[in-house]
Structures are given as structure tokens and as C-alpha cells.
Amino acid sequence: MDVQPWRFSLMWIGFVAVLAMANSIGAEPYELSRNDVMDPKAIKSPEVSLFGVKLGDPESKAYDRLVNEKISGVKAEQEGTFLLLLDARKPTGPMAGVRLMDGKVDLIFVNNRFAYKVRGLFRNVLNGESPDEIRKLLGKEECGDENVMGAVMNYAKQGVLINYLGKDVNVEFTSPGGC
């Protein structure tokens, strides 16, 4: 069978397109500062990114994206194993960041100081007024603890942990696992 080179190229392009579509069928990507993902079931921590940095990314990529690249309105600094992002207008404490362990990103966190930059579901979570309001947004957590001081809500299958302490709300994205 004589296959002309241009036909082979078209077949190859089609094959690559099918593979790309198959890879995109998984969880919807969620760039915290860009995407308006609102379905809590669509959020899986391995698909969450903070300014292009995802869980499992090498330390060099995280450092390049968060520290070397200038992010509008954000001041970045390294403290121990953390790359911290501070609001350049009011750098009173970190509003987001990542933890680096064994040369890779193993935790992404955001708190209510970052709510003005977050898009989608987690903007509402970070502005939540109560644990019950957060549960209305995300559903019932798999495990956690609630007392008069606040609540820890662990959505372990998705790799999301919410710490609620009055007006302070922190969200951590880690590898999905058990409680």
C-alpha cells in the first residue's frame, strides 16, 4: 500500500487530537486566579493550580512561576520550605503559597486574604460566613471537627482541607487520601 506523505501527516494529526481529547476528559483544570469552576465535584486537588503551579511540580518550576515571574499585586518570598505570596498593597501575612518537600510541590494553600484574586467556587468558600455556608457550597465533608472556635472540614477524596476560624478561612490542596 502506497501512503502519500501528506495523508500520513493528516492521520498522525488526527491520532494526536484523539489522544489530547482523551486526556482532557478527566477532572476540569482549575487555575485559582483564572477559572470559574463552580461544580465542587469537578475539583480534584491534582488539577488545581496557583499561577500555573500544581501539586507534584518540581521546585524549580514553582520558584520560576511564583518568585521569578512578576505577578501583578503580589510580593513573593521564600521562608523555609514555603514559597509565600503576599498582597503587595498590605503585606501583613501570606495570602497564598506552596510547600516544597523532596524537591516537589506537595501543598497549595490560599486564605481569605487571597479571596479578591480567586475565581470560581473557592472565592465563595474563602468569603464564607460559617461552616454551614461552606458545606452548602462544597457538600458534607468526609471527616473533620467542629467546635465553638471553628471547624476543620476534610474533603479527603478530593484532596481539599478547609480550616474555618471565625473570619479566617484557609484552604489547603494536597494529594487525595483518607481522613
N, C-alpha and C. Protein backbone atom coordinates (compact mmCIF):
# COMPACT_ATOMS: atom_id res chain seq x y z
N MET A 1 0.85 -1.18 0.00
CA MET A 1 0.00 0.00 0.00
C MET A 1 0.89 1.23 0.00
N ASP A 2 0.61 2.10 -0.92
CA ASP A 2 1.42 3.31 -1.06
C ASP A 2 0.70 4.47 -0.37
N VAL A 3 1.24 4.93 0.77
CA VAL A 3 0.64 6.04 1.51
C VAL A 3 1.42 7.31 1.19
N GLN A 4 0.69 8.28 0.72
CA GLN A 4 1.35 9.55 0.40
C GLN A 4 1.72 10.27 1.70
N PRO A 5 2.85 10.99 1.71
CA PRO A 5 3.31 11.64 2.95
C PRO A 5 2.28 12.58 3.56
N TRP A 6 1.55 13.32 2.76
CA TRP A 6 0.59 14.27 3.33
C TRP A 6 -0.58 13.54 4.01
N ARG A 7 -0.97 12.37 3.48
CA ARG A 7 -2.04 11.59 4.11
C ARG A 7 -1.57 11.03 5.45
N PHE A 8 -0.32 10.58 5.49
CA PHE A 8 0.23 10.09 6.75
C PHE A 8 0.25 11.20 7.80
N SER A 9 0.60 12.41 7.37
CA SER A 9 0.62 13.56 8.30
C SER A 9 -0.76 13.85 8.84
N LEU A 10 -1.77 13.80 7.97
CA LEU A 10 -3.15 14.03 8.43
C LEU A 10 -3.60 12.96 9.40
N MET A 11 -3.24 11.68 9.10
CA MET A 11 -3.60 10.60 10.02
C MET A 11 -2.92 10.81 11.37
N TRP A 12 -1.67 11.23 11.38
CA TRP A 12 -0.92 11.46 12.61
C TRP A 12 -1.54 12.60 13.42
N ILE A 13 -1.92 13.69 12.74
CA ILE A 13 -2.55 14.83 13.42
C ILE A 13 -3.87 14.38 14.05
N GLY A 14 -4.66 13.58 13.34
CA GLY A 14 -5.91 13.07 13.88
C GLY A 14 -5.69 12.20 15.11
N PHE A 15 -4.69 11.35 15.05
CA PHE A 15 -4.36 10.49 16.19
C PHE A 15 -3.98 11.32 17.41
N VAL A 16 -3.15 12.33 17.23
CA VAL A 16 -2.74 13.20 18.33
C VAL A 16 -3.93 13.95 18.90
N ALA A 17 -4.85 14.39 18.04
CA ALA A 17 -6.05 15.10 18.50
C ALA A 17 -6.93 14.19 19.36
N VAL A 18 -7.08 12.93 18.95
CA VAL A 18 -7.87 11.98 19.73
C VAL A 18 -7.23 11.75 21.09
N LEU A 19 -5.90 11.61 21.13
CA LEU A 19 -5.21 11.44 22.42
C LEU A 19 -5.40 12.65 23.31
N ALA A 20 -5.31 13.84 22.76
CA ALA A 20 -5.49 15.06 23.55
C ALA A 20 -6.89 15.13 24.13
N MET A 21 -7.88 14.75 23.34
CA MET A 21 -9.25 14.77 23.84
C MET A 21 -9.43 13.74 24.95
N ALA A 22 -8.83 12.58 24.80
CA ALA A 22 -8.95 11.54 25.82
C ALA A 22 -8.31 11.99 27.12
N ASN A 23 -7.20 12.71 27.06
CA ASN A 23 -6.54 13.19 28.27
C ASN A 23 -7.33 14.29 28.94
N SER A 24 -8.14 15.03 28.19
CA SER A 24 -8.87 16.16 28.77
C SER A 24 -10.19 15.74 29.40
N ILE A 25 -10.56 14.47 29.29
CA ILE A 25 -11.83 14.01 29.81
C ILE A 25 -11.84 13.94 31.33
N GLY A 26 -10.69 13.89 31.99
CA GLY A 26 -10.61 13.80 33.45
C GLY A 26 -11.18 15.03 34.14
N ALA A 27 -10.71 15.32 35.32
CA ALA A 27 -11.19 16.47 36.08
C ALA A 27 -10.89 17.77 35.35
N GLU A 28 -11.78 18.71 35.52
CA GLU A 28 -11.62 20.01 34.87
C GLU A 28 -10.49 20.78 35.55
N PRO A 29 -9.56 21.34 34.79
CA PRO A 29 -8.48 22.11 35.42
C PRO A 29 -9.04 23.35 36.11
N TYR A 30 -8.43 23.73 37.20
CA TYR A 30 -8.90 24.88 37.97
C TYR A 30 -7.71 25.74 38.36
N GLU A 31 -7.45 26.76 37.56
CA GLU A 31 -6.45 27.77 37.92
C GLU A 31 -7.17 28.73 38.86
N LEU A 32 -6.72 28.77 40.09
CA LEU A 32 -7.42 29.52 41.14
C LEU A 32 -7.65 30.97 40.78
N SER A 33 -6.73 31.59 40.06
CA SER A 33 -6.88 33.01 39.75
C SER A 33 -7.53 33.27 38.39
N ARG A 34 -7.96 32.20 37.69
CA ARG A 34 -8.45 32.41 36.33
C ARG A 34 -9.78 31.73 36.02
N ASN A 35 -9.98 30.50 36.44
CA ASN A 35 -11.14 29.72 36.01
C ASN A 35 -12.32 29.85 36.96
N ASP A 36 -13.51 29.85 36.39
CA ASP A 36 -14.74 29.97 37.17
C ASP A 36 -15.39 28.61 37.42
N VAL A 37 -14.62 27.63 37.85
CA VAL A 37 -15.18 26.31 38.14
C VAL A 37 -16.10 26.44 39.35
N MET A 38 -17.34 26.02 39.18
CA MET A 38 -18.31 26.15 40.26
C MET A 38 -18.85 24.81 40.78
N ASP A 39 -18.59 23.72 40.07
CA ASP A 39 -19.08 22.41 40.48
C ASP A 39 -18.08 21.78 41.44
N PRO A 40 -18.45 21.59 42.71
CA PRO A 40 -17.49 21.04 43.68
C PRO A 40 -17.02 19.63 43.32
N LYS A 41 -17.82 18.87 42.61
CA LYS A 41 -17.42 17.51 42.22
C LYS A 41 -16.35 17.54 41.13
N ALA A 42 -16.23 18.64 40.41
CA ALA A 42 -15.24 18.76 39.33
C ALA A 42 -13.86 19.12 39.86
N ILE A 43 -13.77 19.44 41.14
CA ILE A 43 -12.49 19.90 41.70
C ILE A 43 -11.76 18.74 42.34
N LYS A 44 -10.59 18.47 41.82
CA LYS A 44 -9.67 17.47 42.36
C LYS A 44 -8.33 18.17 42.54
N SER A 45 -7.73 18.02 43.70
CA SER A 45 -6.51 18.77 44.01
C SER A 45 -5.40 18.63 42.97
N PRO A 46 -5.19 17.47 42.33
CA PRO A 46 -4.13 17.40 41.32
C PRO A 46 -4.38 18.30 40.11
N GLU A 47 -5.63 18.74 39.91
CA GLU A 47 -5.97 19.61 38.78
C GLU A 47 -6.01 21.09 39.17
N VAL A 48 -5.77 21.41 40.44
CA VAL A 48 -5.79 22.80 40.91
C VAL A 48 -4.40 23.40 40.73
N SER A 49 -4.36 24.64 40.24
CA SER A 49 -3.07 25.31 40.12
C SER A 49 -3.15 26.72 40.68
N LEU A 50 -2.02 27.18 41.16
CA LEU A 50 -1.85 28.52 41.69
C LEU A 50 -0.83 29.22 40.81
N PHE A 51 -1.29 30.13 39.96
CA PHE A 51 -0.45 30.83 38.99
C PHE A 51 0.39 29.85 38.18
N GLY A 52 -0.24 28.74 37.78
CA GLY A 52 0.42 27.75 36.92
C GLY A 52 1.18 26.67 37.66
N VAL A 53 1.19 26.68 38.97
CA VAL A 53 1.91 25.67 39.76
C VAL A 53 0.91 24.66 40.31
N LYS A 54 1.17 23.37 40.05
CA LYS A 54 0.29 22.29 40.50
C LYS A 54 1.04 21.38 41.47
N LEU A 55 0.29 20.58 42.18
CA LEU A 55 0.88 19.57 43.06
C LEU A 55 1.78 18.66 42.22
N GLY A 56 2.94 18.34 42.76
CA GLY A 56 3.88 17.45 42.06
C GLY A 56 4.85 18.17 41.15
N ASP A 57 4.63 19.46 40.89
CA ASP A 57 5.56 20.22 40.05
C ASP A 57 6.92 20.31 40.74
N PRO A 58 8.00 20.33 39.97
CA PRO A 58 9.32 20.46 40.58
C PRO A 58 9.52 21.83 41.23
N GLU A 59 10.37 21.86 42.22
CA GLU A 59 10.68 23.09 42.95
C GLU A 59 11.11 24.21 42.00
N SER A 60 11.90 23.88 40.98
CA SER A 60 12.39 24.91 40.05
C SER A 60 11.24 25.58 39.32
N LYS A 61 10.24 24.81 38.90
CA LYS A 61 9.08 25.40 38.21
C LYS A 61 8.30 26.31 39.16
N ALA A 62 8.08 25.85 40.39
CA ALA A 62 7.36 26.65 41.37
C ALA A 62 8.09 27.96 41.63
N TYR A 63 9.40 27.89 41.79
CA TYR A 63 10.19 29.09 42.06
C TYR A 63 10.14 30.05 40.87
N ASP A 64 10.28 29.50 39.66
CA ASP A 64 10.23 30.35 38.47
C ASP A 64 8.87 31.04 38.34
N ARG A 65 7.78 30.28 38.51
CA ARG A 65 6.43 30.84 38.31
C ARG A 65 6.02 31.81 39.42
N LEU A 66 6.38 31.49 40.66
CA LEU A 66 5.87 32.30 41.78
C LEU A 66 6.83 33.40 42.23
N VAL A 67 8.12 33.20 42.06
CA VAL A 67 9.09 34.18 42.55
C VAL A 67 9.72 34.97 41.40
N ASN A 68 10.24 34.28 40.39
CA ASN A 68 10.95 34.96 39.31
C ASN A 68 10.03 35.73 38.38
N GLU A 69 8.85 35.17 38.06
CA GLU A 69 7.88 35.90 37.23
C GLU A 69 7.16 36.91 38.10
N LYS A 70 6.98 38.09 37.58
CA LYS A 70 6.27 39.13 38.33
C LYS A 70 4.77 38.90 38.21
N ILE A 71 4.11 38.77 39.35
CA ILE A 71 2.66 38.59 39.41
C ILE A 71 2.09 39.91 39.90
N SER A 72 1.20 40.49 39.12
CA SER A 72 0.62 41.79 39.45
C SER A 72 -0.01 41.80 40.84
N GLY A 73 0.41 42.75 41.67
CA GLY A 73 -0.16 42.93 43.00
C GLY A 73 0.33 41.94 44.04
N VAL A 74 1.32 41.13 43.68
CA VAL A 74 1.78 40.07 44.58
C VAL A 74 3.27 40.22 44.85
N LYS A 75 3.63 40.08 46.12
CA LYS A 75 5.03 40.03 46.53
C LYS A 75 5.31 38.59 46.96
N ALA A 76 6.37 38.00 46.43
CA ALA A 76 6.69 36.60 46.74
C ALA A 76 7.98 36.53 47.53
N GLU A 77 8.01 35.58 48.46
CA GLU A 77 9.24 35.35 49.23
C GLU A 77 9.28 33.89 49.67
N GLN A 78 10.49 33.42 49.93
CA GLN A 78 10.66 32.06 50.41
C GLN A 78 10.96 32.09 51.90
N GLU A 79 10.29 31.22 52.63
CA GLU A 79 10.54 31.08 54.06
C GLU A 79 10.55 29.59 54.37
N GLY A 80 11.73 29.06 54.63
CA GLY A 80 11.87 27.62 54.88
C GLY A 80 11.44 26.82 53.67
N THR A 81 10.50 25.91 53.87
CA THR A 81 10.04 25.07 52.77
C THR A 81 8.86 25.67 52.03
N PHE A 82 8.50 26.90 52.35
CA PHE A 82 7.33 27.54 51.74
C PHE A 82 7.73 28.66 50.79
N LEU A 83 7.01 28.76 49.67
CA LEU A 83 7.03 29.94 48.82
C LEU A 83 5.73 30.67 49.14
N LEU A 84 5.86 31.86 49.71
CA LEU A 84 4.70 32.60 50.20
C LEU A 84 4.37 33.76 49.26
N LEU A 85 3.09 33.98 49.04
CA LEU A 85 2.61 35.10 48.24
C LEU A 85 1.89 36.06 49.17
N LEU A 86 2.33 37.32 49.13
CA LEU A 86 1.75 38.36 49.97
C LEU A 86 1.10 39.41 49.10
N ASP A 87 0.07 40.04 49.62
CA ASP A 87 -0.58 41.15 48.92
C ASP A 87 0.39 42.32 48.94
N ALA A 88 0.83 42.78 47.78
CA ALA A 88 1.81 43.86 47.71
C ALA A 88 1.29 45.15 48.34
N ARG A 89 -0.03 45.33 48.37
CA ARG A 89 -0.61 46.54 48.97
C ARG A 89 -0.55 46.51 50.48
N LYS A 90 -0.78 45.31 51.07
CA LYS A 90 -0.79 45.13 52.52
C LYS A 90 -0.07 43.83 52.85
N PRO A 91 1.26 43.82 52.83
CA PRO A 91 1.99 42.56 53.07
C PRO A 91 2.08 42.17 54.54
N THR A 92 0.91 42.00 55.18
CA THR A 92 0.89 41.68 56.61
C THR A 92 1.06 40.20 56.89
N GLY A 93 0.86 39.38 55.90
CA GLY A 93 1.00 37.93 56.05
C GLY A 93 0.69 37.26 54.74
N PRO A 94 1.06 36.01 54.61
CA PRO A 94 0.82 35.33 53.34
C PRO A 94 -0.66 35.16 53.05
N MET A 95 -1.01 35.29 51.77
CA MET A 95 -2.39 35.08 51.35
C MET A 95 -2.52 33.78 50.55
N ALA A 96 -1.38 33.26 50.11
CA ALA A 96 -1.36 32.01 49.34
C ALA A 96 0.07 31.52 49.30
N GLY A 97 0.25 30.30 48.84
CA GLY A 97 1.60 29.79 48.69
C GLY A 97 1.62 28.30 48.44
N VAL A 98 2.84 27.78 48.40
CA VAL A 98 3.05 26.35 48.21
C VAL A 98 4.11 25.88 49.19
N ARG A 99 4.05 24.58 49.50
CA ARG A 99 5.09 23.97 50.32
C ARG A 99 5.89 23.04 49.41
N LEU A 100 7.21 23.09 49.58
CA LEU A 100 8.11 22.27 48.79
C LEU A 100 8.72 21.19 49.68
N MET A 101 8.51 19.94 49.31
CA MET A 101 9.08 18.81 50.05
C MET A 101 9.69 17.86 49.04
N ASP A 102 10.91 17.41 49.33
CA ASP A 102 11.61 16.48 48.45
C ASP A 102 11.69 16.99 47.02
N GLY A 103 11.87 18.31 46.86
CA GLY A 103 12.05 18.91 45.54
C GLY A 103 10.78 19.08 44.73
N LYS A 104 9.60 18.86 45.36
CA LYS A 104 8.33 18.99 44.63
C LYS A 104 7.30 19.73 45.46
N VAL A 105 6.31 20.28 44.79
CA VAL A 105 5.20 20.94 45.46
C VAL A 105 4.30 19.85 46.03
N ASP A 106 4.07 19.88 47.35
CA ASP A 106 3.19 18.87 47.95
C ASP A 106 1.97 19.50 48.63
N LEU A 107 1.89 20.84 48.63
CA LEU A 107 0.75 21.52 49.25
C LEU A 107 0.59 22.88 48.58
N ILE A 108 -0.64 23.23 48.28
CA ILE A 108 -1.00 24.58 47.81
C ILE A 108 -1.99 25.10 48.83
N PHE A 109 -1.82 26.35 49.25
CA PHE A 109 -2.80 26.91 50.19
C PHE A 109 -3.19 28.32 49.77
N VAL A 110 -4.41 28.68 50.13
CA VAL A 110 -4.93 30.05 49.95
C VAL A 110 -5.74 30.37 51.19
N ASN A 111 -5.83 31.65 51.51
CA ASN A 111 -6.68 32.05 52.62
C ASN A 111 -7.53 33.25 52.22
N ASN A 112 -8.36 33.72 53.14
CA ASN A 112 -9.33 34.75 52.79
C ASN A 112 -8.70 36.07 52.34
N ARG A 113 -7.42 36.31 52.62
CA ARG A 113 -6.76 37.49 52.08
C ARG A 113 -6.58 37.40 50.57
N PHE A 114 -6.66 36.18 50.04
CA PHE A 114 -6.48 35.93 48.60
C PHE A 114 -7.82 35.91 47.87
N ALA A 115 -8.93 36.06 48.60
CA ALA A 115 -10.26 35.92 48.01
C ALA A 115 -10.48 36.89 46.84
N TYR A 116 -9.88 38.05 46.88
CA TYR A 116 -10.10 39.02 45.80
C TYR A 116 -9.45 38.56 44.48
N LYS A 117 -8.50 37.64 44.53
CA LYS A 117 -7.85 37.13 43.32
C LYS A 117 -8.42 35.79 42.85
N VAL A 118 -9.10 35.07 43.73
CA VAL A 118 -9.62 33.74 43.40
C VAL A 118 -10.88 33.88 42.56
N ARG A 119 -11.03 32.98 41.59
CA ARG A 119 -12.23 32.92 40.76
C ARG A 119 -12.96 31.62 41.09
N GLY A 120 -14.22 31.60 40.81
CA GLY A 120 -14.99 30.37 40.95
C GLY A 120 -15.41 30.05 42.37
N LEU A 121 -15.61 28.79 42.60
CA LEU A 121 -16.17 28.27 43.84
C LEU A 121 -15.40 28.71 45.09
N PHE A 122 -14.08 28.70 45.02
CA PHE A 122 -13.31 28.98 46.23
C PHE A 122 -13.31 30.45 46.63
N ARG A 123 -13.72 31.36 45.75
CA ARG A 123 -13.94 32.74 46.18
C ARG A 123 -15.07 32.75 47.20
N ASN A 124 -16.13 32.00 46.91
CA ASN A 124 -17.27 31.93 47.83
C ASN A 124 -16.88 31.22 49.12
N VAL A 125 -16.07 30.16 49.02
CA VAL A 125 -15.62 29.45 50.22
C VAL A 125 -14.79 30.38 51.10
N LEU A 126 -13.84 31.10 50.51
CA LEU A 126 -12.98 31.98 51.30
C LEU A 126 -13.75 33.13 51.94
N ASN A 127 -14.87 33.51 51.36
CA ASN A 127 -15.71 34.56 51.92
C ASN A 127 -16.84 33.99 52.77
N GLY A 128 -16.81 32.68 53.04
CA GLY A 128 -17.86 32.02 53.80
C GLY A 128 -18.00 32.59 55.21
N GLU A 129 -19.24 32.70 55.64
CA GLU A 129 -19.55 33.27 56.96
C GLU A 129 -19.68 32.21 58.05
N SER A 130 -19.77 30.94 57.67
CA SER A 130 -19.93 29.88 58.66
C SER A 130 -19.57 28.54 58.02
N PRO A 131 -19.28 27.54 58.85
CA PRO A 131 -19.05 26.20 58.30
C PRO A 131 -20.26 25.68 57.51
N ASP A 132 -21.46 26.00 57.98
CA ASP A 132 -22.66 25.55 57.26
C ASP A 132 -22.75 26.17 55.87
N GLU A 133 -22.35 27.42 55.73
CA GLU A 133 -22.35 28.07 54.43
C GLU A 133 -21.35 27.40 53.49
N ILE A 134 -20.21 27.02 54.02
CA ILE A 134 -19.20 26.32 53.22
C ILE A 134 -19.71 24.94 52.82
N ARG A 135 -20.42 24.26 53.72
CA ARG A 135 -21.00 22.95 53.40
C ARG A 135 -22.05 23.07 52.30
N LYS A 136 -22.79 24.18 52.27
CA LYS A 136 -23.77 24.38 51.20
C LYS A 136 -23.07 24.48 49.85
N LEU A 137 -21.87 25.02 49.85
CA LEU A 137 -21.11 25.17 48.61
C LEU A 137 -20.43 23.88 48.18
N LEU A 138 -19.81 23.17 49.14
CA LEU A 138 -18.99 22.00 48.82
C LEU A 138 -19.64 20.66 49.13
N GLY A 139 -20.70 20.68 49.92
CA GLY A 139 -21.30 19.43 50.38
C GLY A 139 -20.71 19.03 51.72
N LYS A 140 -21.22 17.94 52.24
CA LYS A 140 -20.75 17.44 53.54
C LYS A 140 -19.35 16.86 53.40
N GLU A 141 -18.48 17.23 54.33
CA GLU A 141 -17.11 16.72 54.33
C GLU A 141 -17.08 15.26 54.75
N GLU A 142 -16.00 14.56 54.35
CA GLU A 142 -15.85 13.15 54.73
C GLU A 142 -15.51 13.00 56.20
N CYS A 143 -14.71 13.91 56.72
CA CYS A 143 -14.37 13.88 58.14
C CYS A 143 -13.94 15.28 58.55
N GLY A 144 -13.84 15.49 59.83
CA GLY A 144 -13.45 16.80 60.33
C GLY A 144 -13.84 16.96 61.77
N ASP A 145 -13.78 18.20 62.21
CA ASP A 145 -14.08 18.50 63.61
C ASP A 145 -14.64 19.91 63.66
N GLU A 146 -15.66 20.09 64.45
CA GLU A 146 -16.23 21.42 64.64
C GLU A 146 -16.45 21.65 66.12
N ASN A 147 -16.07 22.85 66.59
CA ASN A 147 -16.30 23.23 67.97
C ASN A 147 -16.61 24.71 68.02
N VAL A 148 -16.68 25.30 69.21
CA VAL A 148 -17.05 26.71 69.34
C VAL A 148 -16.01 27.64 68.70
N MET A 149 -14.78 27.18 68.55
CA MET A 149 -13.73 28.02 67.98
C MET A 149 -13.77 28.05 66.45
N GLY A 150 -14.21 26.95 65.83
CA GLY A 150 -14.21 26.89 64.38
C GLY A 150 -14.42 25.48 63.89
N ALA A 151 -13.94 25.22 62.69
CA ALA A 151 -14.15 23.90 62.09
C ALA A 151 -13.00 23.54 61.17
N VAL A 152 -12.73 22.24 61.11
CA VAL A 152 -11.82 21.67 60.12
C VAL A 152 -12.67 20.74 59.28
N MET A 153 -12.76 21.01 58.00
CA MET A 153 -13.58 20.21 57.09
C MET A 153 -12.67 19.56 56.06
N ASN A 154 -12.62 18.22 56.10
CA ASN A 154 -11.70 17.48 55.25
C ASN A 154 -12.49 16.78 54.14
N TYR A 155 -12.26 17.24 52.91
CA TYR A 155 -12.83 16.61 51.71
C TYR A 155 -11.71 15.74 51.14
N ALA A 156 -11.42 14.64 51.84
CA ALA A 156 -10.23 13.83 51.61
C ALA A 156 -10.17 13.24 50.21
N LYS A 157 -11.29 12.79 49.66
CA LYS A 157 -11.29 12.18 48.33
C LYS A 157 -10.88 13.18 47.25
N GLN A 158 -11.11 14.46 47.50
CA GLN A 158 -10.74 15.50 46.54
C GLN A 158 -9.40 16.13 46.89
N GLY A 159 -8.88 15.86 48.08
CA GLY A 159 -7.61 16.45 48.49
C GLY A 159 -7.75 17.89 48.94
N VAL A 160 -8.89 18.24 49.53
CA VAL A 160 -9.16 19.62 49.95
C VAL A 160 -9.46 19.63 51.46
N LEU A 161 -8.77 20.52 52.17
CA LEU A 161 -8.99 20.70 53.61
C LEU A 161 -9.32 22.16 53.85
N ILE A 162 -10.43 22.41 54.55
CA ILE A 162 -10.85 23.77 54.88
C ILE A 162 -10.68 23.96 56.38
N ASN A 163 -9.96 25.00 56.76
CA ASN A 163 -9.85 25.41 58.17
C ASN A 163 -10.65 26.69 58.32
N TYR A 164 -11.68 26.64 59.14
CA TYR A 164 -12.54 27.80 59.36
C TYR A 164 -12.38 28.25 60.80
N LEU A 165 -11.96 29.47 61.00
CA LEU A 165 -11.81 30.02 62.34
C LEU A 165 -12.34 31.45 62.33
N GLY A 166 -13.64 31.58 62.56
CA GLY A 166 -14.26 32.90 62.52
C GLY A 166 -14.16 33.50 61.13
N LYS A 167 -13.54 34.65 61.04
CA LYS A 167 -13.38 35.31 59.75
C LYS A 167 -12.20 34.77 58.95
N ASP A 168 -11.36 33.95 59.58
CA ASP A 168 -10.20 33.38 58.89
C ASP A 168 -10.57 32.04 58.27
N VAL A 169 -10.43 31.97 56.96
CA VAL A 169 -10.71 30.74 56.23
C VAL A 169 -9.45 30.39 55.44
N ASN A 170 -8.98 29.17 55.61
CA ASN A 170 -7.82 28.68 54.88
C ASN A 170 -8.22 27.43 54.12
N VAL A 171 -7.73 27.31 52.90
CA VAL A 171 -8.00 26.14 52.06
C VAL A 171 -6.65 25.53 51.68
N GLU A 172 -6.51 24.24 51.90
CA GLU A 172 -5.29 23.52 51.55
C GLU A 172 -5.63 22.46 50.51
N PHE A 173 -4.79 22.38 49.50
CA PHE A 173 -4.92 21.36 48.46
C PHE A 173 -3.72 20.43 48.58
N THR A 174 -3.99 19.15 48.81
CA THR A 174 -2.94 18.14 48.94
C THR A 174 -3.37 16.92 48.13
N SER A 175 -2.51 15.91 48.12
CA SER A 175 -2.88 14.68 47.43
C SER A 175 -4.13 14.07 48.06
N PRO A 176 -5.06 13.62 47.24
CA PRO A 176 -6.25 12.97 47.80
C PRO A 176 -5.86 11.75 48.63
N GLY A 177 -6.60 11.54 49.69
CA GLY A 177 -6.29 10.42 50.57
C GLY A 177 -7.38 10.22 51.59
N GLY A 178 -7.05 9.54 52.64
CA GLY A 178 -8.01 9.24 53.70
C GLY A 178 -8.03 10.32 54.76
N CYS A 179 -8.92 10.14 55.69
CA CYS A 179 -9.08 11.11 56.78
C CYS A 179 -8.06 10.88 57.87
